[in-house]
């Protein structure tokens, strides 16, 4: 529930905000969007408050890198003794998270709700979101800032960006405590109402899901088959791709080692490889052709994820298109999927 207290609220001005950023940096590791020397926007630890970028441009990286690391050591073993290894990190703050990326983090929170390693990082992470939405928000899942949508996103503090200042909302006790300790009291609180909105999935997402299930057009996937190089960059860039594989790492000392997990991609041949007499043969992989892999990826985002979690499996950030070396554009593909098959 949103308590509309804005007639009592004095907005945080730009000068106060700069002081707030400096305050955050003094006690925490702050991860924020910053332009590098070549002009690309990336997520890095914020050393200087002046380097912080708050705008409509999305960073090329996703916040997934910092809450679901590319590699995690899960437990170590020595003989028959096993010791769980939980992530060790100091408190971190995600500053300047767009609404699209807040939606991605909310989905990951649901997927890894019972994952000890993910939750250990999550509880040490403060999320500070912003209302700015990229112009390239292809699917219009969040075509404009509306307060009621915040009820279904998980965050600690939210900056509703105005022309010269910010309206401040909190979404958790941690966010309230952080602002109180800073000495800022002019905020209103939004109670989290769960990830699923009352109106259900966005109509655009429903239409894509229906088209993929009921109007399959193989020509789309055959055409992409000719272009895709199976590099997996789209899965790395995607803020909600979460597949990983497990592997054991032995040490030099006999009988010792560790079990780890790392990001994986459904575009890699080993992803669906199964045991058999000749495991290198295509018949021992559940997905063989490039066309099958691309369809599998789209189906995961637009059919299986909505069916499993009642949440969009794509937030419309467009990172996959930006990183694709074959210039495969997800927006163009979606338009083809939505065409009525004659």
Protein backbone atom coordinates (compact mmCIF):
# COMPACT_ATOMS: atom_id res chain seq x y z
CA UNK A 1 0.00 0.00 0.00
CA UNK A 2 1.21 3.53 -0.78
CA UNK A 3 0.58 6.24 1.74
CA UNK A 4 0.25 9.44 -0.25
CA UNK A 5 2.01 11.87 2.04
CA UNK A 6 3.56 14.08 -0.59
CA UNK A 7 1.76 17.19 0.59
CA UNK A 8 3.84 16.85 3.77
CA UNK A 9 7.04 15.92 1.95
CA UNK A 10 9.87 18.30 1.15
CA UNK A 11 11.77 16.91 -1.83
CA UNK A 12 15.48 16.16 -1.57
CA UNK A 13 17.36 18.76 -3.59
CA UNK A 14 20.44 18.07 -5.69
CA UNK A 15 22.81 19.42 -3.05
CA UNK A 16 21.33 17.18 -0.35
CA UNK A 17 21.52 14.25 -2.72
CA UNK A 18 25.23 14.79 -3.32
CA UNK A 19 25.76 14.79 0.45
CA UNK A 20 23.71 11.60 0.69
CA UNK A 21 25.87 9.90 -1.96
CA UNK A 22 29.00 10.96 -0.08
CA UNK A 23 27.50 9.58 3.13
CA UNK A 24 26.82 6.25 1.46
CA UNK A 25 30.39 6.00 0.20
CA UNK A 26 31.89 6.56 3.64
CA UNK A 27 30.47 3.37 5.14
CA UNK A 28 29.66 1.08 2.23
CA UNK A 29 30.83 -0.23 -1.10
CA UNK A 30 28.68 1.67 -3.60
CA UNK A 31 28.15 0.16 -7.06
CA UNK A 32 26.82 2.67 -9.56
CA UNK A 33 26.64 3.48 -13.29
CA UNK A 34 29.69 5.40 -14.51
CA UNK A 35 31.06 6.26 -17.94
CA UNK A 36 34.51 4.93 -18.75
CA UNK A 37 37.19 6.83 -20.68
CA UNK A 38 35.72 5.61 -23.97
CA UNK A 39 32.25 6.84 -23.08
CA UNK A 40 30.64 3.46 -22.33
CA UNK A 41 28.39 3.18 -19.30
CA UNK A 42 29.38 0.42 -16.89
CA UNK A 43 28.68 -0.61 -13.30
CA UNK A 44 31.68 -0.12 -11.03
CA UNK A 45 32.51 0.83 -7.47
CA UNK A 46 31.92 4.55 -7.05
CA UNK A 47 35.04 6.39 -5.93
CA UNK A 48 33.97 9.95 -6.70
CA UNK A 49 30.39 11.18 -6.31
CA UNK A 50 30.80 13.34 -9.42
CA UNK A 51 31.25 10.22 -11.55
CA UNK A 52 27.76 8.93 -10.75
CA UNK A 53 25.44 8.82 -13.75
CA UNK A 54 21.68 9.04 -13.20
CA UNK A 55 19.91 9.18 -16.53
CA UNK A 56 17.89 7.25 -19.07
CA UNK A 57 20.87 5.34 -20.47
CA UNK A 58 21.25 1.78 -19.20
CA UNK A 59 24.69 0.43 -18.24
CA UNK A 60 25.94 -2.33 -20.51
CA UNK A 61 26.40 -4.57 -17.48
CA UNK A 62 23.53 -5.81 -15.37
CA UNK A 63 23.37 -5.86 -11.57
CA UNK A 64 23.35 -9.64 -11.82
CA UNK A 65 27.16 -9.51 -11.77
CA UNK A 66 27.11 -8.30 -8.16
CA UNK A 67 24.29 -10.36 -6.65
CA UNK A 68 24.68 -13.61 -8.62
CA UNK A 69 28.44 -13.76 -9.28
CA UNK A 70 29.75 -15.51 -12.43
CA UNK A 71 31.50 -18.03 -10.17
CA UNK A 72 30.73 -19.08 -6.61
CA UNK A 73 32.50 -21.56 -4.36
CA UNK A 74 29.78 -23.49 -2.53
CA UNK A 75 31.60 -25.89 -0.24
CA UNK A 76 35.06 -27.33 0.34
CA UNK A 77 35.80 -30.93 1.15
CA UNK A 78 38.68 -32.72 2.84
CA UNK A 79 38.27 -36.43 2.89
CA UNK A 80 34.74 -37.04 4.15
CA UNK A 81 34.50 -33.63 5.83
CA UNK A 82 32.47 -30.98 4.02
CA UNK A 83 32.43 -27.28 4.95
CA UNK A 84 29.89 -24.90 3.43
CA UNK A 85 31.42 -21.68 2.12
CA UNK A 86 29.06 -18.72 2.22
CA UNK A 87 29.90 -15.52 0.32
CA UNK A 88 32.04 -13.13 2.32
CA UNK A 89 31.53 -9.51 1.36
CA UNK A 90 30.95 -6.24 3.09
CA UNK A 91 27.70 -4.35 2.76
CA UNK A 92 27.12 -3.03 -0.73
CA UNK A 93 24.74 -0.48 -2.19
CA UNK A 94 23.32 -0.60 -5.70
CA UNK A 95 22.82 3.08 -6.54
CA UNK A 96 20.87 4.21 -9.59
CA UNK A 97 18.98 1.01 -10.45
CA UNK A 98 16.47 1.67 -13.25
CA UNK A 99 12.89 0.43 -12.99
CA UNK A 100 13.70 -2.21 -15.60
CA UNK A 101 16.61 -3.53 -13.56
CA UNK A 102 14.54 -3.36 -10.38
CA UNK A 103 12.09 -5.67 -12.14
CA UNK A 104 14.96 -8.00 -13.07
CA UNK A 105 16.22 -8.10 -9.48
CA UNK A 106 12.71 -8.78 -8.20
CA UNK A 107 12.48 -11.79 -10.54
CA UNK A 108 15.89 -13.10 -9.45
CA UNK A 109 14.79 -12.72 -5.84
CA UNK A 110 11.87 -15.04 -6.55
CA UNK A 111 13.94 -17.57 -8.49
CA UNK A 112 16.63 -17.77 -5.80
CA UNK A 113 14.29 -17.34 -2.86
CA UNK A 114 15.58 -20.52 -1.19
CA UNK A 115 19.17 -20.31 -2.42
CA UNK A 116 21.44 -19.78 0.59
CA UNK A 117 24.31 -18.28 -1.39
CA UNK A 118 22.17 -15.76 -3.25
CA UNK A 119 20.29 -14.77 -0.09
CA UNK A 120 23.55 -14.24 1.80
CA UNK A 121 24.53 -11.59 -0.76
CA UNK A 122 21.02 -10.14 -0.97
CA UNK A 123 20.80 -9.46 2.75
CA UNK A 124 24.01 -7.41 2.53
CA UNK A 125 22.76 -5.40 -0.44
CA UNK A 126 20.80 -2.14 -0.42
CA UNK A 127 18.97 -1.31 -3.66
CA UNK A 128 18.40 2.36 -4.48
CA UNK A 129 16.27 2.69 -7.60
CA UNK A 130 15.42 5.56 -9.91
CA UNK A 131 12.32 6.40 -11.93
CA UNK A 132 14.22 7.18 -15.12
CA UNK A 133 13.29 4.75 -17.91
CA UNK A 134 15.42 4.24 -21.04
CA UNK A 135 14.06 5.53 -24.34
CA UNK A 136 14.83 2.13 -25.83
CA UNK A 137 12.34 0.45 -23.47
CA UNK A 138 11.08 -1.71 -26.30
CA UNK A 139 8.12 -3.43 -24.73
CA UNK A 140 6.70 -0.60 -22.67
CA UNK A 141 6.36 -2.87 -19.64
CA UNK A 142 6.88 0.32 -17.69
CA UNK A 143 5.98 3.01 -20.21
CA UNK A 144 5.81 5.66 -17.50
CA UNK A 145 6.50 6.02 -13.80
CA UNK A 146 3.45 5.07 -11.75
CA UNK A 147 3.66 4.73 -8.00
CA UNK A 148 1.39 1.69 -7.80
CA UNK A 149 3.90 -0.32 -9.83
CA UNK A 150 6.46 0.17 -7.07
CA UNK A 151 4.31 -1.96 -4.77
CA UNK A 152 5.40 -4.99 -6.78
CA UNK A 153 9.13 -4.24 -6.96
CA UNK A 154 11.65 -4.99 -4.24
CA UNK A 155 13.88 -2.08 -3.31
CA UNK A 156 15.10 -0.22 -0.24
CA UNK A 157 15.03 3.40 -1.45
CA UNK A 158 13.52 4.86 -4.59
CA UNK A 159 14.30 8.22 -6.21
CA UNK A 160 11.37 9.66 -8.17
CA UNK A 161 13.36 12.07 -10.31
CA UNK A 162 11.89 15.55 -10.72
CA UNK A 163 13.31 18.45 -12.72
CA UNK A 164 15.47 19.83 -9.92
CA UNK A 165 15.05 17.40 -7.04
CA UNK A 166 13.86 13.95 -5.94
CA UNK A 167 10.78 12.58 -4.21
CA UNK A 168 12.05 9.89 -1.86
CA UNK A 169 10.27 6.62 -1.15
CA UNK A 170 11.38 3.71 1.00
CA UNK A 171 10.54 0.07 0.39
CA UNK A 172 12.11 -1.57 3.43
CA UNK A 173 13.11 -0.99 7.04
CA UNK A 174 16.75 -1.01 5.92
CA UNK A 175 16.02 1.87 3.55
CA UNK A 176 14.23 3.81 6.29
CA UNK A 177 17.07 3.19 8.72
CA UNK A 178 19.64 4.38 6.19
CA UNK A 179 17.79 7.65 5.56
CA UNK A 180 17.12 8.18 9.27
CA UNK A 181 20.80 7.71 10.08
CA UNK A 182 21.67 10.23 7.39
CA UNK A 183 19.22 12.64 8.99
CA UNK A 184 16.63 12.75 6.22
CA UNK A 185 13.03 12.27 7.33
CA UNK A 186 11.00 13.56 4.37
CA UNK A 187 10.14 10.28 2.72
CA UNK A 188 7.02 8.16 2.35
CA UNK A 189 6.93 4.39 2.59
CA UNK A 190 5.66 1.86 0.07
CA UNK A 191 4.68 -1.53 1.44
CA UNK A 192 5.75 -4.44 -0.78
CA UNK A 193 2.62 -6.24 -2.02
CA UNK A 194 4.36 -9.18 -3.66
CA UNK A 195 5.85 -9.53 -7.15
CA UNK A 196 2.63 -10.28 -9.05
CA UNK A 197 0.49 -7.32 -10.06
CA UNK A 198 -3.27 -7.55 -9.68
CA UNK A 199 -3.83 -7.09 -13.40
CA UNK A 200 -1.45 -9.96 -14.17
CA UNK A 201 1.13 -10.04 -16.93
CA UNK A 202 1.51 -7.09 -19.25
CA UNK A 203 -0.74 -7.60 -22.34
CA UNK A 204 2.31 -7.44 -24.61
CA UNK A 205 3.93 -10.31 -22.70
CA UNK A 206 0.71 -12.32 -22.84
CA UNK A 207 0.51 -11.81 -26.61
CA UNK A 208 4.11 -12.99 -27.11
CA UNK A 209 3.52 -16.03 -24.91
CA UNK A 210 0.34 -16.91 -26.84
CA UNK A 211 2.01 -16.49 -30.23
CA UNK A 212 4.93 -18.73 -29.32
CA UNK A 213 2.67 -21.44 -27.94
CA UNK A 214 -0.07 -21.40 -30.57
CA UNK A 215 1.32 -19.86 -33.77
CA UNK A 216 4.77 -21.37 -34.17
CA UNK A 217 6.58 -20.01 -37.21
CA UNK A 218 9.69 -22.08 -37.92
CA UNK A 219 10.85 -19.62 -40.57
CA UNK A 220 11.77 -17.12 -37.83
CA UNK A 221 14.14 -19.52 -36.14
CA UNK A 222 15.60 -20.87 -39.39
CA UNK A 223 16.51 -17.32 -40.45
CA UNK A 224 18.18 -16.62 -37.09
CA UNK A 225 19.98 -19.96 -37.40
CA UNK A 226 21.93 -18.52 -40.34
CA UNK A 227 23.16 -15.54 -38.32
CA UNK A 228 23.65 -16.67 -34.73
CA UNK A 229 27.21 -17.73 -33.78
CA UNK A 230 26.20 -19.40 -30.50
CA UNK A 231 28.60 -17.16 -28.59
CA UNK A 232 26.23 -16.81 -25.62
CA UNK A 233 26.84 -13.07 -25.19
CA UNK A 234 23.09 -12.43 -25.00
CA UNK A 235 22.78 -14.74 -21.99
CA UNK A 236 25.68 -13.05 -20.21
CA UNK A 237 24.28 -9.56 -20.86
CA UNK A 238 20.71 -10.50 -19.92
CA UNK A 239 19.82 -9.33 -16.38
CA UNK A 240 17.50 -12.32 -15.81
CA UNK A 241 19.37 -15.23 -17.42
CA UNK A 242 20.28 -17.39 -14.44
CA UNK A 243 21.41 -20.81 -15.72
CA UNK A 244 24.57 -22.20 -14.15
CA UNK A 245 26.54 -25.43 -14.09
CA UNK A 246 28.25 -27.21 -11.23
CA UNK A 247 31.83 -28.46 -11.24
CA UNK A 248 34.32 -29.84 -8.73
CA UNK A 249 37.78 -28.33 -8.39
CA UNK A 250 40.40 -30.64 -6.88
CA UNK A 251 43.42 -29.29 -5.00
CA UNK A 252 47.03 -30.44 -5.01
CA UNK A 253 46.54 -32.01 -1.60
CA UNK A 254 44.97 -35.46 -2.15
CA UNK A 255 41.36 -35.78 -1.09
CA UNK A 256 40.70 -32.04 -0.98
CA UNK A 257 38.84 -29.66 -3.25
CA UNK A 258 35.69 -27.63 -3.64
CA UNK A 259 32.38 -27.60 -5.45
CA UNK A 260 31.61 -24.52 -7.49
CA UNK A 261 28.96 -23.12 -9.75
CA UNK A 262 29.38 -20.73 -12.63
CA UNK A 263 27.19 -19.08 -15.23
CA UNK A 264 26.26 -21.25 -18.18
CA UNK A 265 24.49 -20.63 -21.46
CA UNK A 266 21.90 -22.65 -23.36
CA UNK A 267 23.82 -21.74 -26.52
CA UNK A 268 26.81 -23.88 -25.51
CA UNK A 269 26.84 -27.45 -26.82
CA UNK A 270 27.54 -28.93 -23.40
CA UNK A 271 24.45 -27.30 -21.88
CA UNK A 272 22.04 -30.08 -22.88
CA UNK A 273 24.57 -32.86 -23.38
CA UNK A 274 23.61 -36.10 -21.66
CA UNK A 275 25.45 -39.30 -20.87
CA UNK A 276 25.73 -41.96 -23.54
CA UNK A 277 28.06 -44.28 -25.39
CA UNK A 278 29.29 -41.46 -27.64
CA UNK A 279 28.53 -38.20 -25.82
CA UNK A 280 30.06 -36.09 -28.60
CA UNK A 281 27.36 -37.21 -31.03
CA UNK A 282 24.47 -34.77 -31.62
CA UNK A 283 21.89 -37.42 -30.72
CA UNK A 284 23.13 -37.21 -27.12
CA UNK A 285 22.21 -33.55 -26.84
CA UNK A 286 18.62 -32.52 -26.24
CA UNK A 287 19.12 -29.35 -28.29
CA UNK A 288 21.27 -29.66 -31.40
CA UNK A 289 20.77 -26.95 -34.00
CA UNK A 290 21.26 -23.22 -33.63
CA UNK A 291 17.60 -22.67 -34.47
CA UNK A 292 16.59 -24.96 -31.60
CA UNK A 293 18.87 -23.11 -29.20
CA UNK A 294 17.50 -19.69 -30.13
CA UNK A 295 13.92 -20.89 -29.83
CA UNK A 296 14.73 -22.49 -26.47
CA UNK A 297 16.11 -19.15 -25.21
CA UNK A 298 13.05 -17.17 -26.33
CA UNK A 299 10.71 -19.83 -24.97
CA UNK A 300 12.48 -19.66 -21.61
CA UNK A 301 11.92 -15.90 -21.33
CA UNK A 302 8.48 -15.53 -22.87
CA UNK A 303 6.75 -18.84 -22.05
CA UNK A 304 8.34 -20.87 -19.26
CA UNK A 305 9.30 -18.05 -16.89
CA UNK A 306 5.86 -16.36 -17.01
CA UNK A 307 4.21 -19.78 -16.58
CA UNK A 308 6.40 -20.65 -13.57
CA UNK A 309 6.64 -17.31 -11.75
CA UNK A 310 3.74 -15.27 -13.22
CA UNK A 311 6.34 -12.60 -14.00
CA UNK A 312 7.79 -11.37 -17.30
CA UNK A 313 10.94 -13.26 -18.26
CA UNK A 314 12.17 -10.23 -20.20
CA UNK A 315 12.32 -6.66 -18.88
CA UNK A 316 12.85 -5.03 -22.28
CA UNK A 317 16.30 -3.60 -21.52
CA UNK A 318 17.72 -4.48 -24.96
CA UNK A 319 21.15 -5.50 -23.64
CA UNK A 320 21.06 -8.73 -25.66
CA UNK A 321 20.67 -6.75 -28.89
CA UNK A 322 23.45 -4.32 -27.99
CA UNK A 323 25.96 -7.09 -27.29
CA UNK A 324 25.06 -9.42 -30.19
CA UNK A 325 27.94 -9.54 -32.72
CA UNK A 326 25.49 -10.75 -35.39
CA UNK A 327 23.18 -7.75 -34.87
CA UNK A 328 20.22 -9.93 -33.92
CA UNK A 329 17.65 -7.53 -32.53
CA UNK A 330 15.16 -8.98 -30.05
CA UNK A 331 12.62 -6.26 -30.84
CA UNK A 332 12.58 -7.21 -34.51
CA UNK A 333 12.23 -10.88 -33.60
CA UNK A 334 9.32 -10.12 -31.27
CA UNK A 335 7.52 -8.24 -34.03
CA UNK A 336 7.90 -11.29 -36.27
CA UNK A 337 6.58 -13.58 -33.54
CA UNK A 338 3.53 -11.38 -33.08
CA UNK A 339 2.59 -11.44 -36.75
CA UNK A 340 -0.53 -13.50 -37.44
CA UNK A 341 0.50 -16.61 -39.29
CA UNK A 342 -1.40 -16.86 -42.59
